[in-house]
C-alpha cells in the first residue's frame, strides 16, 4: 500500500499535478488524485514521512531534472513539478518533527539588494525543501545588513544568494565582505546563482559554490554537505 501511493505521488509530481483538477502532461488525468490528495491519503494511512519525501518527492524531481537536462521538459514543466513539491511540503512540514525526520541542514536564501527577480530563487527553495532541507526564504531585494543579521540569528548551514542582473550581482560580494567584517563568514557555506553568474565569479568573490540551475544548486549543496570536492 505505502509503496503504491508513494509511486503515485512520484508520478503526479513528474506530471506537475498539484490537485485532482490539474491536467498534467499526459492526457486523461483530470479527476484522478493529484499530489495534494495523495499526500493527505498517505498521512492518513500512516505512510512513513521520510519515505514520502525521499522516494516520492526527491526521486521524482531527480527524474524531472533529468528530463529538463535532456530538453524533454521546459521551464513551465519544471515549474509545475516544483509547485507540486511545494504543495506537498506545506502539508508535510508539520509532521516532520513528529516523525523524527531531521532536516539535512538549514538554508537561508535571498535575492540580493536591488534585484526584484525571484522565480529562480523560488524554484530552488522548493527543490531544497523537497530534498529534505529546512529553508527560510528572506525574499527579494534584501538589504545586505538584513542578510547579515539573519545569518547571525538563524545560524544556517548554508546561505543561497540570487541575482539576475549584472548591476546587482556585485551586491553578492558586498554581502560576503559584510559577513567577514561581522565574523560570520566562516560559520556558513555560501552558494550563488543567477543567469549572469559563473563558477569563476563565485570563486572571485569568495563564495563556496555556484548553482547553474535549481537542480545543479542541490547537487552543489549536497557535495558541500558531505565534504566532497567541487573541483571535478
Protein backbone atom coordinates (compact mmCIF):
# COMPACT_ATOMS: atom_id res chain seq x y z
CA UNK A 1 0.00 0.00 0.00
CA UNK A 2 2.67 2.52 1.04
CA UNK A 3 4.86 1.76 -1.98
CA UNK A 4 1.86 2.10 -4.30
CA UNK A 5 0.83 5.52 -3.00
CA UNK A 6 4.43 6.78 -3.00
CA UNK A 7 4.73 5.68 -6.62
CA UNK A 8 1.53 7.62 -7.41
CA UNK A 9 2.94 10.70 -5.65
CA UNK A 10 6.12 10.40 -7.70
CA UNK A 11 4.16 10.04 -10.94
CA UNK A 12 1.98 13.06 -10.22
CA UNK A 13 4.92 15.27 -9.29
CA UNK A 14 6.52 14.36 -12.61
CA UNK A 15 3.21 15.25 -14.26
CA UNK A 16 3.09 18.56 -12.39
CA UNK A 17 -0.34 17.84 -10.90
CA UNK A 18 -0.97 19.66 -7.62
CA UNK A 19 -4.65 18.71 -7.30
CA UNK A 20 -7.14 16.39 -8.97
CA UNK A 21 -8.33 19.28 -11.16
CA UNK A 22 -4.96 19.61 -12.90
CA UNK A 23 -4.47 18.14 -16.35
CA UNK A 24 -0.86 17.03 -16.16
CA UNK A 25 1.39 16.40 -19.14
CA UNK A 26 -0.34 13.17 -20.12
CA UNK A 27 -3.97 13.28 -21.21
CA UNK A 28 -6.88 11.85 -19.26
CA UNK A 29 -5.60 12.54 -15.73
CA UNK A 30 -8.15 15.18 -14.71
CA UNK A 31 -10.22 13.87 -11.82
CA UNK A 32 -7.55 11.46 -10.58
CA UNK A 33 -5.98 12.37 -7.21
CA UNK A 34 -3.14 14.86 -7.52
CA UNK A 35 -0.19 15.34 -5.18
CA UNK A 36 -2.20 17.21 -2.54
CA UNK A 37 -4.84 14.50 -2.25
CA UNK A 38 -2.26 11.70 -2.35
CA UNK A 39 -0.09 13.25 0.39
CA UNK A 40 -3.12 13.58 2.67
CA UNK A 41 -4.11 9.99 1.90
CA UNK A 42 -0.58 8.78 2.65
CA UNK A 43 -0.51 10.59 6.01
CA UNK A 44 -3.94 9.21 6.92
CA UNK A 45 -2.60 5.73 6.17
CA UNK A 46 0.49 6.32 8.37
CA UNK A 47 2.91 6.09 5.47
CA UNK A 48 6.43 6.96 6.63
CA UNK A 49 7.11 10.67 6.07
CA UNK A 50 10.77 10.15 5.21
CA UNK A 51 9.70 7.61 2.57
CA UNK A 52 7.26 10.11 1.07
CA UNK A 53 9.98 12.74 0.83
CA UNK A 54 12.87 10.55 -0.33
CA UNK A 55 11.10 8.04 -2.57
CA UNK A 56 8.24 10.27 -3.68
CA UNK A 57 9.33 13.91 -3.86
CA UNK A 58 13.12 13.80 -4.14
CA UNK A 59 13.12 10.85 -6.53
CA UNK A 60 10.50 12.46 -8.76
CA UNK A 61 12.41 15.73 -9.01
CA UNK A 62 15.52 13.79 -9.99
CA UNK A 63 13.51 12.48 -12.93
CA UNK A 64 12.25 15.99 -13.74
CA UNK A 65 15.81 17.29 -13.56
CA UNK A 66 16.97 14.64 -16.00
CA UNK A 67 14.11 15.44 -18.37
CA UNK A 68 14.96 19.13 -18.15
CA UNK A 69 18.62 18.42 -18.88
CA UNK A 70 17.63 16.27 -21.86
CA UNK A 71 15.31 19.05 -23.11
CA UNK A 72 12.27 16.80 -22.76
CA UNK A 73 10.91 19.28 -20.20
CA UNK A 74 10.98 23.05 -20.39
CA UNK A 75 10.77 25.73 -17.70
CA UNK A 76 6.93 25.66 -17.43
CA UNK A 77 7.04 21.86 -16.96
CA UNK A 78 9.73 22.19 -14.28
CA UNK A 79 7.74 24.96 -12.56
CA UNK A 80 4.63 22.78 -12.46
CA UNK A 81 6.55 19.93 -10.83
CA UNK A 82 8.23 22.31 -8.38
CA UNK A 83 4.83 23.72 -7.46
CA UNK A 84 3.59 20.19 -6.75
CA UNK A 85 6.58 19.57 -4.46
CA UNK A 86 5.95 22.90 -2.72
CA UNK A 87 2.32 21.98 -2.06
CA UNK A 88 3.41 18.60 -0.73
CA UNK A 89 5.98 20.09 1.64
CA UNK A 90 3.45 22.57 3.05
CA UNK A 91 1.35 19.62 4.13
CA UNK A 92 4.29 17.51 5.31
CA UNK A 93 6.31 20.06 7.29
CA UNK A 94 4.12 19.97 10.44
CA UNK A 95 4.56 16.19 10.51
CA UNK A 96 8.36 16.13 10.18
CA UNK A 97 9.17 16.75 13.85
CA UNK A 98 6.55 14.23 15.00
CA UNK A 99 8.00 11.55 12.75
CA UNK A 100 11.54 12.19 13.96
CA UNK A 101 12.77 13.13 10.49
CA UNK A 102 15.67 15.54 10.85
CA UNK A 103 16.44 18.05 8.09
CA UNK A 104 19.72 17.65 6.22
CA UNK A 105 20.60 21.23 7.06
CA UNK A 106 19.27 24.74 7.41
CA UNK A 107 19.42 27.13 4.46
CA UNK A 108 18.75 30.85 4.16
CA UNK A 109 18.08 32.08 0.64
CA UNK A 110 17.66 35.61 -0.73
CA UNK A 111 17.75 37.71 -3.87
CA UNK A 112 20.27 40.46 -3.18
CA UNK A 113 19.70 44.19 -2.80
CA UNK A 114 18.35 45.96 -5.89
CA UNK A 115 17.14 42.80 -7.63
CA UNK A 116 13.40 42.01 -7.72
CA UNK A 117 13.67 38.73 -9.64
CA UNK A 118 12.61 35.71 -7.62
CA UNK A 119 11.40 32.89 -9.90
CA UNK A 120 14.74 31.07 -9.87
CA UNK A 121 15.11 31.56 -6.12
CA UNK A 122 11.61 30.26 -5.52
CA UNK A 123 12.27 27.14 -7.58
CA UNK A 124 15.49 26.44 -5.68
CA UNK A 125 13.69 26.92 -2.35
CA UNK A 126 11.02 24.39 -3.27
CA UNK A 127 13.51 21.87 -4.62
CA UNK A 128 15.64 22.13 -1.48
CA UNK A 129 12.62 21.57 0.76
CA UNK A 130 11.74 18.53 -1.30
CA UNK A 131 15.32 17.29 -0.92
CA UNK A 132 14.99 17.39 2.87
CA UNK A 133 16.44 20.78 3.83
CA UNK A 134 14.89 23.38 6.11
CA UNK A 135 14.67 26.56 4.05
CA UNK A 136 13.94 30.13 5.11
CA UNK A 137 13.33 32.45 2.18
CA UNK A 138 14.24 36.06 3.01
CA UNK A 139 12.61 37.34 -0.20
CA UNK A 140 13.97 39.60 -2.94
CA UNK A 141 15.70 42.99 -2.91
CA UNK A 142 17.10 42.11 0.52
CA UNK A 143 19.43 44.61 2.15
CA UNK A 144 22.94 43.36 2.87
CA UNK A 145 22.58 44.21 6.56
CA UNK A 146 19.37 42.20 6.78
CA UNK A 147 21.10 39.14 5.32
CA UNK A 148 23.97 39.51 7.78
CA UNK A 149 21.56 39.81 10.69
CA UNK A 150 19.57 36.77 9.50
CA UNK A 151 22.77 34.69 9.36
CA UNK A 152 23.62 35.83 12.89
CA UNK A 153 20.17 34.98 14.27
CA UNK A 154 19.27 31.86 12.29
CA UNK A 155 22.74 30.22 12.29
CA UNK A 156 22.17 28.45 8.95
CA UNK A 157 24.45 25.84 7.45
CA UNK A 158 24.10 27.42 4.01
CA UNK A 159 23.32 30.82 2.51
CA UNK A 160 21.98 31.00 -1.04
CA UNK A 161 22.29 34.34 -2.85
CA UNK A 162 20.50 35.01 -6.13
CA UNK A 163 20.84 37.79 -8.74
CA UNK A 164 19.64 38.09 -12.31
CA UNK A 165 21.18 41.46 -13.19
CA UNK A 166 24.83 42.32 -13.77
CA UNK A 167 24.17 45.56 -11.91
CA UNK A 168 23.10 43.71 -8.75
CA UNK A 169 25.46 40.73 -8.74
CA UNK A 170 28.12 42.97 -7.19
CA UNK A 171 25.96 43.04 -4.06
CA UNK A 172 26.81 39.37 -3.54
CA UNK A 173 30.44 40.30 -3.00
CA UNK A 174 29.34 43.12 -0.66
CA UNK A 175 27.32 40.60 1.35
CA UNK A 176 30.27 38.23 1.69
CA UNK A 177 32.51 41.11 2.76
CA UNK A 178 29.93 42.19 5.34
CA UNK A 179 29.77 38.66 6.73
CA UNK A 180 33.55 38.67 7.07
CA UNK A 181 33.51 42.04 8.82
CA UNK A 182 30.96 40.71 11.29
CA UNK A 183 32.89 37.50 11.99
CA UNK A 184 30.21 35.32 10.40
CA UNK A 185 31.72 34.22 7.10
CA UNK A 186 33.32 31.03 8.41
CA UNK A 187 30.06 29.91 10.01
CA UNK A 188 28.12 29.43 6.76
CA UNK A 189 28.71 28.00 3.29
CA UNK A 190 27.65 30.40 0.54
CA UNK A 191 26.21 29.36 -2.83
CA UNK A 192 25.34 31.86 -5.54
CA UNK A 193 23.08 31.53 -8.56
CA UNK A 194 21.59 33.54 -11.40
CA UNK A 195 21.83 33.99 -15.16
CA UNK A 196 24.88 36.30 -15.34
CA UNK A 197 26.96 34.29 -12.86
CA UNK A 198 29.55 31.54 -13.20
CA UNK A 199 31.80 29.29 -11.15
CA UNK A 200 34.65 31.68 -11.89
CA UNK A 201 32.69 34.59 -10.49
CA UNK A 202 31.80 32.57 -7.38
CA UNK A 203 35.47 31.88 -6.78
CA UNK A 204 36.44 35.51 -7.40
CA UNK A 205 34.11 36.84 -4.68
CA UNK A 206 34.87 34.08 -2.18
CA UNK A 207 31.65 32.05 -2.43
CA UNK A 208 31.77 28.31 -1.76
CA UNK A 209 29.82 27.26 -4.81
CA UNK A 210 27.74 28.18 -7.86
CA UNK A 211 24.46 26.64 -8.98
CA UNK A 212 23.74 26.92 -12.70
CA UNK A 213 20.09 25.99 -12.08
CA UNK A 214 17.92 24.60 -9.30
CA UNK A 215 18.99 21.01 -9.79
CA UNK A 216 22.67 21.90 -10.03
CA UNK A 217 22.34 24.01 -6.86
CA UNK A 218 21.08 20.97 -4.97
CA UNK A 219 24.00 18.83 -6.17
CA UNK A 220 26.44 21.57 -5.11
CA UNK A 221 24.87 21.81 -1.66
CA UNK A 222 24.82 18.02 -1.31
CA UNK A 223 28.54 17.94 -2.17
CA UNK A 224 29.34 20.68 0.33
CA UNK A 225 27.22 18.95 2.93
CA UNK A 226 29.13 15.69 2.51
CA UNK A 227 32.50 17.40 2.29
CA UNK A 228 33.14 16.25 -1.30
CA UNK A 229 35.31 18.35 -3.61
CA UNK A 230 33.57 20.57 -6.14
CA UNK A 231 36.56 20.81 -8.44
CA UNK A 232 35.58 17.92 -10.64
